């Protein structure tokens, strides 16, 4: 998780889905958090950055190497002072929903 100087905060958590994790190098969830925070000046802008990267590069990568390789998909919570979004992902697929109400 992290925050930037624009007041954007992003957290992520591992999720497992029926969508296979593509072997080889890919973007980790933490890569997506970092780049979203670097490039996003709002929760919506960070969501757009992350989903664009997912569509272009996918996600996966090895989260650890020993004793067995380990990979997973990610879910994200993106917030700023004005709005919040939940982003669910599986491979290059994603769906986002704006949080409304209390």
N, C-alpha and C. Protein backbone atom coordinates (compact mmCIF):
# COMPACT_ATOMS: atom_id res chain seq x y z
N UNK A 1 0.84 -1.17 0.00
CA UNK A 1 0.00 0.00 0.00
C UNK A 1 0.88 1.23 0.00
N UNK A 2 0.27 2.37 -0.36
CA UNK A 2 1.05 3.59 -0.37
C UNK A 2 0.17 4.80 -0.58
N UNK A 3 0.79 5.98 -0.49
CA UNK A 3 0.11 7.26 -0.69
C UNK A 3 1.06 8.19 -1.41
N UNK A 4 0.49 9.17 -2.13
CA UNK A 4 1.34 10.14 -2.80
C UNK A 4 1.05 11.56 -2.31
N UNK A 5 1.76 12.53 -2.84
CA UNK A 5 1.62 13.91 -2.40
C UNK A 5 0.34 14.58 -2.89
N UNK A 6 -0.43 13.89 -3.74
CA UNK A 6 -1.71 14.40 -4.21
C UNK A 6 -2.88 13.90 -3.36
N UNK A 7 -2.57 13.09 -2.34
CA UNK A 7 -3.61 12.56 -1.47
C UNK A 7 -4.25 11.28 -1.98
N UNK A 8 -3.62 10.63 -2.95
CA UNK A 8 -4.11 9.35 -3.47
C UNK A 8 -3.51 8.24 -2.63
N UNK A 9 -4.34 7.31 -2.21
CA UNK A 9 -3.88 6.13 -1.45
C UNK A 9 -4.34 4.88 -2.19
N UNK A 10 -3.46 3.90 -2.29
CA UNK A 10 -3.78 2.64 -2.96
C UNK A 10 -3.32 1.49 -2.07
N UNK A 11 -4.19 0.53 -1.89
CA UNK A 11 -3.84 -0.71 -1.22
C UNK A 11 -4.14 -1.87 -2.14
N UNK A 12 -3.44 -2.96 -1.97
CA UNK A 12 -3.75 -4.15 -2.78
C UNK A 12 -3.64 -5.40 -1.94
N UNK A 13 -4.29 -6.44 -2.42
CA UNK A 13 -4.31 -7.74 -1.75
C UNK A 13 -4.29 -8.83 -2.81
N UNK A 14 -3.65 -9.92 -2.50
CA UNK A 14 -3.61 -11.06 -3.41
C UNK A 14 -4.98 -11.72 -3.51
N UNK A 15 -5.34 -12.15 -4.72
CA UNK A 15 -6.55 -12.94 -4.94
C UNK A 15 -6.22 -14.07 -5.90
N UNK A 16 -6.95 -15.15 -5.77
CA UNK A 16 -6.78 -16.29 -6.67
C UNK A 16 -8.08 -16.47 -7.44
N UNK A 17 -7.95 -16.70 -8.74
CA UNK A 17 -9.11 -16.81 -9.61
C UNK A 17 -8.96 -18.03 -10.50
N UNK A 18 -9.95 -18.25 -11.34
CA UNK A 18 -9.86 -19.34 -12.32
C UNK A 18 -8.96 -18.97 -13.50
N UNK A 19 -8.71 -17.69 -13.66
CA UNK A 19 -7.83 -17.21 -14.73
C UNK A 19 -6.40 -17.62 -14.39
N UNK A 20 -5.72 -18.32 -15.29
CA UNK A 20 -4.34 -18.73 -14.97
C UNK A 20 -3.40 -17.53 -14.90
N UNK A 21 -2.41 -17.62 -14.05
CA UNK A 21 -1.36 -16.62 -13.98
C UNK A 21 -0.36 -16.96 -15.08
N UNK A 22 -0.07 -15.99 -15.93
CA UNK A 22 0.83 -16.22 -17.05
C UNK A 22 2.25 -16.37 -16.52
N UNK A 23 2.95 -17.44 -16.92
CA UNK A 23 4.33 -17.59 -16.46
C UNK A 23 5.25 -16.54 -17.08
N UNK A 24 6.38 -16.33 -16.45
CA UNK A 24 7.36 -15.38 -16.97
C UNK A 24 7.24 -14.02 -16.30
N UNK A 25 7.98 -13.08 -16.83
CA UNK A 25 8.00 -11.75 -16.24
C UNK A 25 6.71 -11.00 -16.55
N UNK A 26 6.21 -10.30 -15.57
CA UNK A 26 5.01 -9.48 -15.70
C UNK A 26 5.01 -8.49 -14.56
N UNK A 27 4.01 -7.63 -14.53
CA UNK A 27 3.90 -6.63 -13.46
C UNK A 27 3.33 -7.26 -12.20
N UNK A 28 3.98 -7.03 -11.09
CA UNK A 28 3.46 -7.44 -9.79
C UNK A 28 2.42 -6.43 -9.33
N UNK A 29 1.59 -6.83 -8.39
CA UNK A 29 0.63 -5.91 -7.80
C UNK A 29 1.30 -4.68 -7.23
N UNK A 30 2.44 -4.86 -6.58
CA UNK A 30 3.14 -3.71 -6.00
C UNK A 30 3.73 -2.80 -7.08
N UNK A 31 4.09 -3.35 -8.24
CA UNK A 31 4.51 -2.51 -9.36
C UNK A 31 3.35 -1.60 -9.77
N UNK A 32 2.15 -2.18 -9.86
CA UNK A 32 0.97 -1.42 -10.26
C UNK A 32 0.62 -0.35 -9.23
N UNK A 33 0.75 -0.66 -7.95
CA UNK A 33 0.53 0.33 -6.90
C UNK A 33 1.52 1.49 -7.06
N UNK A 34 2.79 1.17 -7.18
CA UNK A 34 3.83 2.21 -7.29
C UNK A 34 3.62 3.10 -8.50
N UNK A 35 3.36 2.52 -9.66
CA UNK A 35 3.19 3.32 -10.88
C UNK A 35 1.89 4.12 -10.81
N UNK A 36 0.83 3.53 -10.25
CA UNK A 36 -0.42 4.27 -10.07
C UNK A 36 -0.22 5.50 -9.21
N UNK A 37 0.57 5.36 -8.14
CA UNK A 37 0.84 6.50 -7.26
C UNK A 37 1.77 7.52 -7.91
N UNK A 38 2.71 7.06 -8.71
CA UNK A 38 3.61 7.98 -9.40
C UNK A 38 2.87 8.84 -10.42
N UNK A 39 1.92 8.23 -11.13
CA UNK A 39 1.29 8.90 -12.27
C UNK A 39 -0.12 9.43 -11.98
N UNK A 40 -0.74 9.02 -10.88
CA UNK A 40 -2.12 9.39 -10.62
C UNK A 40 -2.26 10.56 -9.67
N UNK A 41 -3.00 11.60 -10.09
CA UNK A 41 -3.26 12.72 -9.20
C UNK A 41 -4.65 12.64 -8.58
N UNK A 42 -5.37 11.54 -8.86
CA UNK A 42 -6.67 11.26 -8.25
C UNK A 42 -6.85 9.74 -8.26
N UNK A 43 -7.83 9.27 -7.50
CA UNK A 43 -8.11 7.83 -7.50
C UNK A 43 -8.48 7.36 -8.90
N UNK A 44 -9.31 8.16 -9.59
CA UNK A 44 -9.73 7.80 -10.95
C UNK A 44 -8.52 7.75 -11.90
N UNK A 45 -7.62 8.73 -11.81
CA UNK A 45 -6.44 8.74 -12.67
C UNK A 45 -5.56 7.54 -12.39
N UNK A 46 -5.36 7.19 -11.13
CA UNK A 46 -4.55 6.02 -10.78
C UNK A 46 -5.20 4.74 -11.29
N UNK A 47 -6.52 4.66 -11.18
CA UNK A 47 -7.25 3.49 -11.70
C UNK A 47 -7.04 3.37 -13.21
N UNK A 48 -7.10 4.49 -13.91
CA UNK A 48 -6.89 4.49 -15.36
C UNK A 48 -5.47 4.04 -15.71
N UNK A 49 -4.49 4.48 -14.94
CA UNK A 49 -3.11 4.07 -15.16
C UNK A 49 -2.98 2.56 -14.96
N UNK A 50 -3.49 2.05 -13.86
CA UNK A 50 -3.35 0.63 -13.54
C UNK A 50 -4.07 -0.24 -14.57
N UNK A 51 -5.28 0.12 -14.95
CA UNK A 51 -6.02 -0.71 -15.91
C UNK A 51 -5.36 -0.66 -17.28
N UNK A 52 -4.80 0.48 -17.65
CA UNK A 52 -4.08 0.56 -18.92
C UNK A 52 -2.86 -0.35 -18.93
N UNK A 53 -2.12 -0.36 -17.84
CA UNK A 53 -0.95 -1.23 -17.73
C UNK A 53 -1.36 -2.70 -17.73
N UNK A 54 -2.45 -3.03 -17.06
CA UNK A 54 -2.94 -4.41 -17.06
C UNK A 54 -3.29 -4.86 -18.47
N UNK A 55 -4.00 -4.02 -19.20
CA UNK A 55 -4.40 -4.39 -20.56
C UNK A 55 -3.20 -4.54 -21.47
N UNK A 56 -2.19 -3.70 -21.29
CA UNK A 56 -1.02 -3.73 -22.15
C UNK A 56 -0.02 -4.82 -21.78
N UNK A 57 0.25 -4.98 -20.46
CA UNK A 57 1.34 -5.85 -20.03
C UNK A 57 0.89 -7.07 -19.23
N UNK A 58 -0.33 -7.06 -18.72
CA UNK A 58 -0.77 -8.14 -17.85
C UNK A 58 -0.13 -8.05 -16.48
N UNK A 59 -0.42 -9.04 -15.67
CA UNK A 59 0.16 -9.09 -14.33
C UNK A 59 0.59 -10.52 -14.03
N UNK A 60 1.36 -10.68 -13.03
CA UNK A 60 1.87 -12.00 -12.65
C UNK A 60 3.23 -11.84 -12.05
N UNK A 61 4.20 -12.47 -12.67
CA UNK A 61 5.55 -12.40 -12.14
C UNK A 61 5.69 -13.26 -10.90
N UNK A 62 6.92 -13.52 -10.55
CA UNK A 62 7.20 -14.36 -9.39
C UNK A 62 7.32 -13.49 -8.15
N UNK A 63 6.46 -13.76 -7.19
CA UNK A 63 6.47 -13.02 -5.93
C UNK A 63 7.53 -13.58 -4.98
N UNK A 64 7.90 -14.81 -5.20
CA UNK A 64 9.00 -15.42 -4.46
C UNK A 64 9.54 -16.57 -5.30
N UNK A 65 10.72 -17.03 -4.99
CA UNK A 65 11.33 -18.09 -5.78
C UNK A 65 11.53 -19.37 -5.00
N UNK A 66 11.71 -19.29 -3.71
CA UNK A 66 12.01 -20.48 -2.93
C UNK A 66 10.92 -20.73 -1.90
N UNK A 67 10.50 -21.92 -1.61
CA UNK A 67 10.97 -23.14 -2.28
C UNK A 67 10.28 -23.38 -3.61
N UNK A 68 9.11 -22.78 -3.86
CA UNK A 68 8.39 -22.93 -5.12
C UNK A 68 8.04 -21.54 -5.66
N UNK A 69 8.02 -21.37 -6.97
CA UNK A 69 7.55 -20.10 -7.53
C UNK A 69 6.11 -19.83 -7.08
N UNK A 70 5.77 -18.56 -6.92
CA UNK A 70 4.48 -18.19 -6.36
C UNK A 70 3.97 -16.94 -7.06
N UNK A 71 2.77 -16.99 -7.62
CA UNK A 71 2.17 -15.84 -8.31
C UNK A 71 0.69 -15.76 -7.97
N UNK A 72 0.11 -14.58 -8.16
CA UNK A 72 -1.32 -14.38 -7.89
C UNK A 72 -1.81 -13.14 -8.62
N UNK A 73 -3.13 -12.96 -8.62
CA UNK A 73 -3.77 -11.76 -9.16
C UNK A 73 -3.98 -10.79 -7.99
N UNK A 74 -4.55 -9.62 -8.28
CA UNK A 74 -4.67 -8.58 -7.25
C UNK A 74 -6.03 -7.92 -7.25
N UNK A 75 -6.42 -7.45 -6.08
CA UNK A 75 -7.53 -6.54 -5.93
C UNK A 75 -6.98 -5.26 -5.30
N UNK A 76 -7.55 -4.12 -5.68
CA UNK A 76 -7.03 -2.83 -5.24
C UNK A 76 -8.14 -1.98 -4.65
N UNK A 77 -7.80 -1.15 -3.70
CA UNK A 77 -8.66 -0.09 -3.20
C UNK A 77 -7.93 1.22 -3.47
N UNK A 78 -8.56 2.11 -4.24
CA UNK A 78 -7.96 3.39 -4.62
C UNK A 78 -8.83 4.50 -4.07
N UNK A 79 -8.24 5.42 -3.32
CA UNK A 79 -9.02 6.49 -2.71
C UNK A 79 -8.27 7.83 -2.83
N UNK A 80 -9.07 8.90 -2.84
CA UNK A 80 -8.55 10.24 -2.68
C UNK A 80 -9.53 11.00 -1.79
N UNK A 81 -9.42 12.29 -1.73
CA UNK A 81 -10.29 13.08 -0.85
C UNK A 81 -11.75 13.09 -1.30
N UNK A 82 -12.00 12.76 -2.57
CA UNK A 82 -13.34 12.89 -3.12
C UNK A 82 -14.04 11.59 -3.48
N UNK A 83 -13.29 10.53 -3.72
CA UNK A 83 -13.92 9.28 -4.14
C UNK A 83 -13.05 8.07 -3.82
N UNK A 84 -13.70 6.92 -3.94
CA UNK A 84 -13.01 5.65 -3.72
C UNK A 84 -13.47 4.64 -4.76
N UNK A 85 -12.57 3.77 -5.17
CA UNK A 85 -12.84 2.73 -6.16
C UNK A 85 -12.31 1.39 -5.67
N UNK A 86 -13.05 0.33 -5.97
CA UNK A 86 -12.57 -1.04 -5.78
C UNK A 86 -12.28 -1.57 -7.18
N UNK A 87 -11.09 -2.12 -7.35
CA UNK A 87 -10.65 -2.66 -8.63
C UNK A 87 -10.29 -4.13 -8.43
N UNK A 88 -11.02 -5.01 -9.11
CA UNK A 88 -10.75 -6.45 -9.07
C UNK A 88 -10.08 -6.84 -10.38
N UNK A 89 -9.04 -7.66 -10.31
CA UNK A 89 -8.30 -8.03 -11.51
C UNK A 89 -8.06 -9.53 -11.57
N UNK A 90 -7.88 -10.01 -12.79
CA UNK A 90 -7.46 -11.39 -13.06
C UNK A 90 -6.74 -11.37 -14.40
N UNK A 91 -5.44 -11.53 -14.37
CA UNK A 91 -4.66 -11.43 -15.61
C UNK A 91 -4.78 -10.04 -16.19
N UNK A 92 -5.20 -9.96 -17.45
CA UNK A 92 -5.41 -8.67 -18.10
C UNK A 92 -6.85 -8.17 -17.95
N UNK A 93 -7.67 -8.96 -17.30
CA UNK A 93 -9.07 -8.61 -17.10
C UNK A 93 -9.26 -7.79 -15.83
N UNK A 94 -10.24 -6.90 -15.84
CA UNK A 94 -10.49 -6.09 -14.65
C UNK A 94 -11.92 -5.59 -14.64
N UNK A 95 -12.39 -5.25 -13.46
CA UNK A 95 -13.68 -4.60 -13.27
C UNK A 95 -13.52 -3.65 -12.09
N UNK A 96 -14.10 -2.46 -12.20
CA UNK A 96 -14.00 -1.46 -11.14
C UNK A 96 -15.39 -0.98 -10.76
N UNK A 97 -15.56 -0.66 -9.48
CA UNK A 97 -16.81 -0.10 -9.00
C UNK A 97 -16.51 1.05 -8.05
N UNK A 98 -17.19 2.15 -8.29
CA UNK A 98 -17.05 3.30 -7.41
C UNK A 98 -17.77 3.02 -6.11
N UNK A 99 -17.14 3.36 -5.00
CA UNK A 99 -17.76 3.19 -3.70
C UNK A 99 -18.69 4.38 -3.49
N UNK A 100 -19.95 4.08 -3.18
CA UNK A 100 -20.91 5.16 -2.93
C UNK A 100 -21.59 4.91 -1.60
N UNK A 101 -21.94 5.97 -0.93
CA UNK A 101 -22.58 5.84 0.37
C UNK A 101 -21.57 5.62 1.47
N UNK A 102 -22.09 5.47 2.70
CA UNK A 102 -21.25 5.35 3.88
C UNK A 102 -20.57 4.05 3.95
